[in-house]
Amino acid sequence: MADQNRAVKLRRKIEGFTLFDDELMSRVFDENIECTELVLRIILKRTDIRVTQVHTQREIKNLRGHSVRLDIHAQTTEEEPVDIEIQRADKGAGVKRARYNASMMDANTLVKGEEYDRLPECYCIFITEKDVMGCGLPVYHAQRVVSETGKLLGDGTHIIYVNGAYRGDDPIGRLMHDFSCSSPSDMYYQPLARQVGYYKNDEKGVEAMSKGMEELIDMEKKEIALKMLEDGKLQKEEVARYFGFTMDQVEELAESLAVQV
């Protein structure tokens, strides 16, 4: 009965998801060139853009510093790296994060000995649920400018913020409507509607979503339990009782903590 109630709760949660939710967004766009091209063509106003590969939750490692995990990491036929970040909270959409993400993509573009002029155009796009810039515009383009002349520096870095609250009668307005829409039947763009519909209405799609969410919930529970053990706030028996783990699972957590230390 408990498992059945859990499944019902997960199903209801999935029904309420939009593309601003990581769980749905990551599945809709992962390896989906059609949906990624659609988004880029609308935002960049480049009908000629072609995507060769796209992955979600792609980590770019920095062996001597802070690594990054990109929501949607794509590459075009011109070898242009693209990062699309989907943000509900304003906090995660800071301009310095955009700068850092762009720099990390640049750092992983050239091979040893390759000339700097070989750096392609680089796009870091933040689609935010609210208008983080606060000016009521659909899109904000940020590029480096020479202060004394007012001319663009032309270094090829493009940082773009898309206002997810915008609802104009134009392609961007319709795209942002779709990103905020929980019902695929109410979406304008069919490639997005098909993918969202698959993970909300198709038995296999819903099963994949549910499994992924259960794994995420279990991982988060283990992280919290591990922190409780580490801080000495709960004994092993209490962790088992409060988190629904077996004692063997708690012992495994304790062993992993010992290895970390």
C-alpha atoms as a PDB file:
ATOM      1  CA  MET A   1       0.000   0.000   0.000  1.00  0.00           C
ATOM      2  CA  ALA A   2       2.862   2.363   0.882  1.00  0.00           C
ATOM      3  CA  ASP A   3       4.524   1.698  -2.483  1.00  0.00           C
ATOM      4  CA  GLN A   4       1.222   2.390  -4.264  1.00  0.00           C
ATOM      5  CA  ASN A   5       0.776   5.706  -2.432  1.00  0.00           C
ATOM      6  CA  ARG A   6       4.357   6.635  -3.260  1.00  0.00           C
ATOM      7  CA  ALA A   7       3.737   5.901  -6.949  1.00  0.00           C
ATOM      8  CA  VAL A   8       0.584   8.048  -6.949  1.00  0.00           C
ATOM      9  CA  LYS A   9       2.436  10.949  -5.330  1.00  0.00           C
ATOM     10  CA  LEU A  10       5.258  10.693  -7.869  1.00  0.00           C
ATOM     11  CA  ARG A  11       2.754  10.612 -10.733  1.00  0.00           C
ATOM     12  CA  ARG A  12       1.046  13.781  -9.449  1.00  0.00           C
ATOM     13  CA  LYS A  13       4.387  15.499  -9.081  1.00  0.00           C
ATOM     14  CA  ILE A  14       5.349  14.564 -12.646  1.00  0.00           C
ATOM     15  CA  GLU A  15       2.034  15.908 -13.946  1.00  0.00           C
ATOM     16  CA  GLY A  16       2.860  19.310 -12.461  1.00  0.00           C
ATOM     17  CA  PHE A  17       6.382  19.506 -13.878  1.00  0.00           C
ATOM     18  CA  THR A  18       7.344  22.129 -16.470  1.00  0.00           C
ATOM     19  CA  LEU A  19      10.578  22.586 -18.384  1.00  0.00           C
ATOM     20  CA  PHE A  20      11.774  24.781 -15.527  1.00  0.00           C
ATOM     21  CA  ASP A  21      12.033  21.602 -13.440  1.00  0.00           C
ATOM     22  CA  ASP A  22      15.399  19.849 -13.745  1.00  0.00           C
ATOM     23  CA  GLU A  23      13.892  16.373 -13.641  1.00  0.00           C
ATOM     24  CA  LEU A  24      11.797  16.953 -16.777  1.00  0.00           C
ATOM     25  CA  MET A  25      14.122  19.366 -18.597  1.00  0.00           C
ATOM     26  CA  SER A  26      17.085  17.005 -18.345  1.00  0.00           C
ATOM     27  CA  ARG A  27      15.174  14.155 -19.971  1.00  0.00           C
ATOM     28  CA  VAL A  28      13.463  16.229 -22.668  1.00  0.00           C
ATOM     29  CA  PHE A  29      16.689  17.764 -23.987  1.00  0.00           C
ATOM     30  CA  ASP A  30      19.224  14.989 -23.432  1.00  0.00           C
ATOM     31  CA  GLU A  31      20.549  13.936 -26.859  1.00  0.00           C
ATOM     32  CA  ASN A  32      17.532  15.645 -28.441  1.00  0.00           C
ATOM     33  CA  ILE A  33      18.917  17.708 -31.295  1.00  0.00           C
ATOM     34  CA  GLU A  34      15.499  18.726 -32.640  1.00  0.00           C
ATOM     35  CA  CYS A  35      14.345  20.386 -29.399  1.00  0.00           C
ATOM     36  CA  THR A  36      17.719  22.028 -28.821  1.00  0.00           C
ATOM     37  CA  GLU A  37      17.850  23.461 -32.338  1.00  0.00           C
ATOM     38  CA  LEU A  38      14.318  24.796 -31.918  1.00  0.00           C
ATOM     39  CA  VAL A  39      15.260  26.685 -28.741  1.00  0.00           C
ATOM     40  CA  LEU A  40      18.505  28.065 -30.179  1.00  0.00           C
ATOM     41  CA  ARG A  41      16.959  29.177 -33.475  1.00  0.00           C
ATOM     42  CA  ILE A  42      14.295  31.149 -31.622  1.00  0.00           C
ATOM     43  CA  ILE A  43      16.573  32.735 -29.017  1.00  0.00           C
ATOM     44  CA  LEU A  44      19.500  33.487 -31.354  1.00  0.00           C
ATOM     45  CA  LYS A  45      17.273  34.292 -34.351  1.00  0.00           C
ATOM     46  CA  ARG A  46      19.471  32.029 -36.468  1.00  0.00           C
ATOM     47  CA  THR A  47      17.403  29.708 -38.615  1.00  0.00           C
ATOM     48  CA  ASP A  48      20.588  28.227 -40.070  1.00  0.00           C
ATOM     49  CA  ILE A  49      21.969  26.887 -36.789  1.00  0.00           C
ATOM     50  CA  ARG A  50      22.627  23.148 -36.693  1.00  0.00           C
ATOM     51  CA  VAL A  51      23.404  21.173 -33.554  1.00  0.00           C
ATOM     52  CA  THR A  52      25.680  18.140 -33.802  1.00  0.00           C
ATOM     53  CA  GLN A  53      25.467  16.935 -30.209  1.00  0.00           C
ATOM     54  CA  VAL A  54      23.685  17.790 -26.972  1.00  0.00           C
ATOM     55  CA  HIS A  55      23.833  16.397 -23.451  1.00  0.00           C
ATOM     56  CA  THR A  56      22.214  17.452 -20.204  1.00  0.00           C
ATOM     57  CA  GLN A  57      23.869  17.732 -16.790  1.00  0.00           C
ATOM     58  CA  ARG A  58      27.285  17.663 -18.462  1.00  0.00           C
ATOM     59  CA  GLU A  59      30.166  18.223 -16.057  1.00  0.00           C
ATOM     60  CA  ILE A  60      33.263  20.130 -17.145  1.00  0.00           C
ATOM     61  CA  LYS A  61      36.029  19.365 -14.691  1.00  0.00           C
ATOM     62  CA  ASN A  62      38.578  21.827 -13.411  1.00  0.00           C
ATOM     63  CA  LEU A  63      41.381  19.768 -11.884  1.00  0.00           C
ATOM     64  CA  ARG A  64      42.756  22.738  -9.943  1.00  0.00           C
ATOM     65  CA  GLY A  65      39.576  24.593  -9.123  1.00  0.00           C
ATOM     66  CA  HIS A  66      35.790  24.753  -9.308  1.00  0.00           C
ATOM     67  CA  SER A  67      34.169  22.399 -11.839  1.00  0.00           C
ATOM     68  CA  VAL A  68      30.809  23.195 -13.473  1.00  0.00           C
ATOM     69  CA  ARG A  69      27.745  21.175 -14.384  1.00  0.00           C
ATOM     70  CA  LEU A  70      25.891  22.534 -17.409  1.00  0.00           C
ATOM     71  CA  ASP A  71      22.126  21.998 -17.705  1.00  0.00           C
ATOM     72  CA  ILE A  72      22.226  21.665 -21.497  1.00  0.00           C
ATOM     73  CA  HIS A  73      25.596  21.478 -23.246  1.00  0.00           C
ATOM     74  CA  ALA A  74      25.466  21.545 -27.038  1.00  0.00           C
ATOM     75  CA  GLN A  75      27.807  21.970 -29.970  1.00  0.00           C
ATOM     76  CA  THR A  76      26.970  23.333 -33.405  1.00  0.00           C
ATOM     77  CA  THR A  77      28.291  22.377 -36.825  1.00  0.00           C
ATOM     78  CA  GLU A  78      30.598  25.418 -36.515  1.00  0.00           C
ATOM     79  CA  GLU A  79      31.985  23.801 -33.327  1.00  0.00           C
ATOM     80  CA  GLU A  80      30.430  26.595 -31.261  1.00  0.00           C
ATOM     81  CA  PRO A  81      29.974  25.500 -27.628  1.00  0.00           C
ATOM     82  CA  VAL A  82      26.582  26.350 -26.135  1.00  0.00           C
ATOM     83  CA  ASP A  83      25.473  26.270 -22.515  1.00  0.00           C
ATOM     84  CA  ILE A  84      21.758  26.647 -21.758  1.00  0.00           C
ATOM     85  CA  GLU A  85      20.930  27.059 -18.067  1.00  0.00           C
ATOM     86  CA  ILE A  86      17.291  26.724 -16.980  1.00  0.00           C
ATOM     87  CA  GLN A  87      16.731  28.624 -13.736  1.00  0.00           C
ATOM     88  CA  ARG A  88      13.784  28.888 -11.380  1.00  0.00           C
ATOM     89  CA  ALA A  89      15.679  30.758  -8.668  1.00  0.00           C
ATOM     90  CA  ASP A  90      17.289  34.140  -9.392  1.00  0.00           C
ATOM     91  CA  LYS A  91      20.238  33.176  -7.189  1.00  0.00           C
ATOM     92  CA  GLY A  92      21.568  30.648  -9.690  1.00  0.00           C
ATOM     93  CA  ALA A  93      21.473  33.094 -12.606  1.00  0.00           C
ATOM     94  CA  GLY A  94      24.207  35.498 -11.521  1.00  0.00           C
ATOM     95  CA  VAL A  95      26.308  37.206 -14.183  1.00  0.00           C
ATOM     96  CA  LYS A  96      29.546  35.874 -12.677  1.00  0.00           C
ATOM     97  CA  ARG A  97      28.252  32.344 -13.026  1.00  0.00           C
ATOM     98  CA  ALA A  98      27.600  33.076 -16.702  1.00  0.00           C
ATOM     99  CA  ARG A  99      31.128  34.446 -17.045  1.00  0.00           C
ATOM    100  CA  TYR A 100      32.610  31.379 -15.354  1.00  0.00           C
ATOM    101  CA  ASN A 101      30.596  28.880 -17.402  1.00  0.00           C
ATOM    102  CA  ALA A 102      31.664  30.600 -20.622  1.00  0.00           C
ATOM    103  CA  SER A 103      35.309  30.573 -19.537  1.00  0.00           C
ATOM    104  CA  MET A 104      35.143  26.870 -18.702  1.00  0.00           C
ATOM    105  CA  MET A 105      33.761  26.063 -22.144  1.00  0.00           C
ATOM    106  CA  ASP A 106      36.525  28.157 -23.735  1.00  0.00           C
ATOM    107  CA  ALA A 107      39.183  26.396 -21.656  1.00  0.00           C
ATOM    108  CA  ASN A 108      38.014  23.045 -23.022  1.00  0.00           C
ATOM    109  CA  THR A 109      37.797  24.128 -26.661  1.00  0.00           C
ATOM    110  CA  LEU A 110      41.390  24.558 -27.841  1.00  0.00           C
ATOM    111  CA  VAL A 111      43.906  21.736 -27.907  1.00  0.00           C
ATOM    112  CA  LYS A 112      47.486  22.220 -26.774  1.00  0.00           C
ATOM    113  CA  GLY A 113      49.404  24.516 -29.123  1.00  0.00           C
ATOM    114  CA  GLU A 114      46.321  25.711 -31.020  1.00  0.00           C
ATOM    115  CA  GLU A 115      46.133  29.448 -31.841  1.00  0.00           C
ATOM    116  CA  TYR A 116      43.708  31.633 -29.858  1.00  0.00           C
ATOM    117  CA  ASP A 117      42.154  32.846 -33.104  1.00  0.00           C
ATOM    118  CA  ARG A 118      40.763  29.344 -33.496  1.00  0.00           C
ATOM    119  CA  LEU A 119      38.369  29.943 -30.595  1.00  0.00           C
ATOM    120  CA  PRO A 120      34.807  29.712 -31.954  1.00  0.00           C
ATOM    121  CA  GLU A 121      31.849  31.850 -30.863  1.00  0.00           C
ATOM    122  CA  CYS A 122      30.692  30.794 -27.405  1.00  0.00           C
ATOM    123  CA  TYR A 123      27.106  31.071 -26.137  1.00  0.00           C
ATOM    124  CA  CYS A 124      26.023  31.023 -22.502  1.00  0.00           C
ATOM    125  CA  ILE A 125      22.221  31.317 -22.291  1.00  0.00           C
ATOM    126  CA  PHE A 126      20.206  31.639 -19.096  1.00  0.00           C
ATOM    127  CA  ILE A 127      16.460  31.015 -19.367  1.00  0.00           C
ATOM    128  CA  THR A 128      15.057  32.317 -16.082  1.00  0.00           C
ATOM    129  CA  GLU A 129      11.537  31.835 -14.766  1.00  0.00           C
ATOM    130  CA  LYS A 130      11.414  35.491 -13.701  1.00  0.00           C
ATOM    131  CA  ASP A 131      12.710  38.648 -15.351  1.00  0.00           C
ATOM    132  CA  VAL A 132      16.032  38.796 -13.468  1.00  0.00           C
ATOM    133  CA  MET A 133      17.113  41.949 -15.327  1.00  0.00           C
ATOM    134  CA  GLY A 134      13.865  43.664 -14.380  1.00  0.00           C
ATOM    135  CA  CYS A 135      13.350  45.721 -17.543  1.00  0.00           C
ATOM    136  CA  GLY A 136      10.428  43.825 -19.081  1.00  0.00           C
ATOM    137  CA  LEU A 137      12.340  42.806 -22.219  1.00  0.00           C
ATOM    138  CA  PRO A 138      12.084  39.306 -23.677  1.00  0.00           C
ATOM    139  CA  VAL A 139      15.838  38.863 -24.185  1.00  0.00           C
ATOM    140  CA  TYR A 140      18.982  40.576 -22.881  1.00  0.00           C
ATOM    141  CA  HIS A 141      22.277  40.264 -24.785  1.00  0.00           C
ATOM    142  CA  ALA A 142      25.519  40.978 -22.939  1.00  0.00           C
ATOM    143  CA  GLN A 143      28.780  41.419 -24.812  1.00  0.00           C
ATOM    144  CA  ARG A 144      32.063  43.119 -23.927  1.00  0.00           C
ATOM    145  CA  VAL A 145      32.337  46.723 -25.079  1.00  0.00           C
ATOM    146  CA  VAL A 146      35.350  49.054 -25.370  1.00  0.00           C
ATOM    147  CA  SER A 147      34.379  51.798 -22.908  1.00  0.00           C
ATOM    148  CA  GLU A 148      36.126  54.645 -24.727  1.00  0.00           C
ATOM    149  CA  THR A 149      34.617  53.965 -28.135  1.00  0.00           C
ATOM    150  CA  GLY A 150      31.384  52.163 -27.320  1.00  0.00           C
ATOM    151  CA  LYS A 151      32.278  49.535 -29.928  1.00  0.00           C
ATOM    152  CA  LEU A 152      31.949  45.799 -29.367  1.00  0.00           C
ATOM    153  CA  LEU A 153      35.190  44.074 -28.420  1.00  0.00           C
ATOM    154  CA  GLY A 154      34.268  41.146 -30.665  1.00  0.00           C
ATOM    155  CA  ASP A 155      35.863  38.388 -28.594  1.00  0.00           C
ATOM    156  CA  GLY A 156      33.091  35.966 -29.550  1.00  0.00           C
ATOM    157  CA  THR A 157      31.589  35.496 -26.067  1.00  0.00           C
ATOM    158  CA  HIS A 158      27.809  35.842 -25.952  1.00  0.00           C
ATOM    159  CA  ILE A 159      25.963  35.890 -22.624  1.00  0.00           C
ATOM    160  CA  ILE A 160      22.196  35.946 -23.054  1.00  0.00           C
ATOM    161  CA  TYR A 161      19.379  36.140 -20.528  1.00  0.00           C
ATOM    162  CA  VAL A 162      15.878  35.095 -21.598  1.00  0.00           C
ATOM    163  CA  ASN A 163      12.916  36.382 -19.591  1.00  0.00           C
ATOM    164  CA  GLY A 164      10.768  33.344 -18.791  1.00  0.00           C
ATOM    165  CA  ALA A 165       7.892  35.583 -17.665  1.00  0.00           C
ATOM    166  CA  TYR A 166       7.583  37.163 -21.117  1.00  0.00           C
ATOM    167  CA  ARG A 167       4.344  36.290 -22.954  1.00  0.00           C
ATOM    168  CA  GLY A 168       4.428  38.353 -26.149  1.00  0.00           C
ATOM    169  CA  ASP A 169       2.711  37.185 -29.326  1.00  0.00           C
ATOM    170  CA  ASP A 170       5.983  36.205 -30.969  1.00  0.00           C
ATOM    171  CA  PRO A 171       8.301  33.159 -31.093  1.00  0.00           C
ATOM    172  CA  ILE A 172      10.050  33.995 -27.786  1.00  0.00           C
ATOM    173  CA  GLY A 173       6.709  34.579 -26.037  1.00  0.00           C
ATOM    174  CA  ARG A 174       5.344  31.273 -27.288  1.00  0.00           C
ATOM    175  CA  LEU A 175       8.562  29.451 -26.332  1.00  0.00           C
ATOM    176  CA  MET A 176       8.456  30.849 -22.790  1.00  0.00           C
ATOM    177  CA  HIS A 177       4.797  29.846 -22.563  1.00  0.00           C
ATOM    178  CA  ASP A 178       5.821  26.297 -23.441  1.00  0.00           C
ATOM    179  CA  PHE A 179       8.611  26.284 -20.853  1.00  0.00           C
ATOM    180  CA  SER A 180       6.089  27.249 -18.164  1.00  0.00           C
ATOM    181  CA  CYS A 181       3.343  24.899 -19.373  1.00  0.00           C
ATOM    182  CA  SER A 182       2.627  21.661 -17.507  1.00  0.00           C
ATOM    183  CA  SER A 183       0.222  20.307 -20.136  1.00  0.00           C
ATOM    184  CA  PRO A 184       1.767  19.203 -23.462  1.00  0.00           C
ATOM    185  CA  SER A 185      -1.615  19.649 -25.202  1.00  0.00           C
ATOM    186  CA  ASP A 186      -1.419  23.380 -24.454  1.00  0.00           C
ATOM    187  CA  MET A 187       2.062  23.875 -25.906  1.00  0.00           C
ATOM    188  CA  TYR A 188       2.752  25.714 -29.151  1.00  0.00           C
ATOM    189  CA  TYR A 189       5.858  23.902 -30.365  1.00  0.00           C
ATOM    190  CA  GLN A 190       5.273  20.271 -31.283  1.00  0.00           C
ATOM    191  CA  PRO A 191       8.838  18.964 -30.765  1.00  0.00           C
ATOM    192  CA  LEU A 192       8.664  20.106 -27.136  1.00  0.00           C
ATOM    193  CA  ALA A 193       5.050  18.932 -26.737  1.00  0.00           C
ATOM    194  CA  ARG A 194       5.929  15.436 -28.015  1.00  0.00           C
ATOM    195  CA  GLN A 195       8.849  15.029 -25.618  1.00  0.00           C
ATOM    196  CA  VAL A 196       7.004  16.436 -22.613  1.00  0.00           C
ATOM    197  CA  GLY A 197       3.976  14.294 -23.484  1.00  0.00           C
ATOM    198  CA  TYR A 198       6.141  11.177 -23.610  1.00  0.00           C
ATOM    199  CA  TYR A 199       7.429  11.668 -20.061  1.00  0.00           C
ATOM    200  CA  LYS A 200       4.030  12.656 -18.689  1.00  0.00           C
ATOM    201  CA  ASN A 201       1.594  10.393 -20.532  1.00  0.00           C
ATOM    202  CA  ASP A 202       3.427   7.433 -22.057  1.00  0.00           C
ATOM    203  CA  GLU A 203       3.764   4.424 -19.749  1.00  0.00           C
ATOM    204  CA  LYS A 204       7.458   3.918 -20.498  1.00  0.00           C
ATOM    205  CA  GLY A 205       8.189   7.635 -20.213  1.00  0.00           C
ATOM    206  CA  VAL A 206       6.408   7.958 -16.873  1.00  0.00           C
ATOM    207  CA  GLU A 207       8.220   4.855 -15.620  1.00  0.00           C
ATOM    208  CA  ALA A 208      11.584   6.355 -16.581  1.00  0.00           C
ATOM    209  CA  MET A 209      10.700   9.642 -14.873  1.00  0.00           C
ATOM    210  CA  SER A 210       9.491   7.882 -11.728  1.00  0.00           C
ATOM    211  CA  LYS A 211      12.581   5.703 -11.526  1.00  0.00           C
ATOM    212  CA  GLY A 212      14.844   8.711 -11.943  1.00  0.00           C
ATOM    213  CA  MET A 213      12.997  10.649  -9.259  1.00  0.00           C
ATOM    214  CA  GLU A 214      13.097   7.714  -6.825  1.00  0.00           C
ATOM    215  CA  GLU A 215      16.849   7.420  -7.348  1.00  0.00           C
ATOM    216  CA  LEU A 216      17.233  11.151  -6.749  1.00  0.00           C
ATOM    217  CA  ILE A 217      15.120  11.017  -3.567  1.00  0.00           C
ATOM    218  CA  ASP A 218      17.105   8.043  -2.272  1.00  0.00           C
ATOM    219  CA  MET A 219      20.388   9.794  -3.020  1.00  0.00           C
ATOM    220  CA  GLU A 220      19.256  12.943  -1.204  1.00  0.00           C
ATOM    221  CA  LYS A 221      18.106  10.867   1.781  1.00  0.00           C
ATOM    222  CA  LYS A 222      21.492   9.175   1.949  1.00  0.00           C
ATOM    223  CA  GLU A 223      23.304  12.516   1.759  1.00  0.00           C
ATOM    224  CA  ILE A 224      21.223  13.902   4.658  1.00  0.00           C
ATOM    225  CA  ALA A 225      21.651  10.713   6.705  1.00  0.00           C
ATOM    226  CA  LEU A 226      25.389  10.759   6.060  1.00  0.00           C
ATOM    227  CA  LYS A 227      25.560  14.349   7.296  1.00  0.00           C
ATOM    228  CA  MET A 228      23.612  13.403  10.428  1.00  0.00           C
ATOM    229  CA  LEU A 229      26.066  10.586  11.151  1.00  0.00           C
ATOM    230  CA  GLU A 230      29.042  12.819  10.440  1.00  0.00           C
ATOM    231  CA  ASP A 231      27.813  15.538  12.802  1.00  0.00           C
ATOM    232  CA  GLY A 232      26.897  13.001  15.471  1.00  0.00           C
ATOM    233  CA  LYS A 233      23.299  14.213  15.589  1.00  0.00           C
ATOM    234  CA  LEU A 234      21.824  10.725  15.170  1.00  0.00           C
ATOM    235  CA  GLN A 235      22.952   7.248  16.141  1.00  0.00           C
ATOM    236  CA  LYS A 236      22.928   4.453  13.564  1.00  0.00           C
ATOM    237  CA  GLU A 237      19.719   2.950  14.944  1.00  0.00           C
ATOM    238  CA  GLU A 238      17.997   6.355  14.766  1.00  0.00           C
ATOM    239  CA  VAL A 239      19.112   6.880  11.164  1.00  0.00           C
ATOM    240  CA  ALA A 240      17.648   3.490  10.240  1.00  0.00           C
ATOM    241  CA  ARG A 241      14.350   4.306  11.959  1.00  0.00           C
ATOM    242  CA  TYR A 242      13.895   7.886  10.702  1.00  0.00           C
ATOM    243  CA  PHE A 243      15.066   7.335   7.124  1.00  0.00           C
ATOM    244  CA  GLY A 244      13.619   3.865   6.551  1.00  0.00           C
ATOM    245  CA  PHE A 245      17.009   2.212   5.984  1.00  0.00           C
ATOM    246  CA  THR A 246      18.049  -1.259   7.028  1.00  0.00           C
ATOM    247  CA  MET A 247      20.944  -1.513   9.449  1.00  0.00           C
ATOM    248  CA  ASP A 248      23.086  -2.965   6.650  1.00  0.00           C
ATOM    249  CA  GLN A 249      22.440   0.192   4.590  1.00  0.00           C
ATOM    250  CA  VAL A 250      23.343   2.387   7.567  1.00  0.00           C
ATOM    251  CA  GLU A 251      26.552   0.409   8.100  1.00  0.00           C
ATOM    252  CA  GLU A 252      27.436   0.999   4.429  1.00  0.00           C
ATOM    253  CA  LEU A 253      26.900   4.740   4.927  1.00  0.00           C
ATOM    254  CA  ALA A 254      29.090   4.697   8.032  1.00  0.00           C
ATOM    255  CA  GLU A 255      31.811   2.816   6.147  1.00  0.00           C
ATOM    256  CA  SER A 256      31.721   5.331   3.284  1.00  0.00           C
ATOM    257  CA  LEU A 257      32.094   8.108   5.857  1.00  0.00           C
ATOM    258  CA  ALA A 258      35.142   6.371   7.329  1.00  0.00           C
ATOM    259  CA  VAL A 259      36.693   6.090   3.862  1.00  0.00           C
ATOM    260  CA  GLN A 260      36.148   9.834   3.228  1.00  0.00           C
ATOM    261  CA  VAL A 261      37.876  10.682   6.520  1.00  0.00           C
END
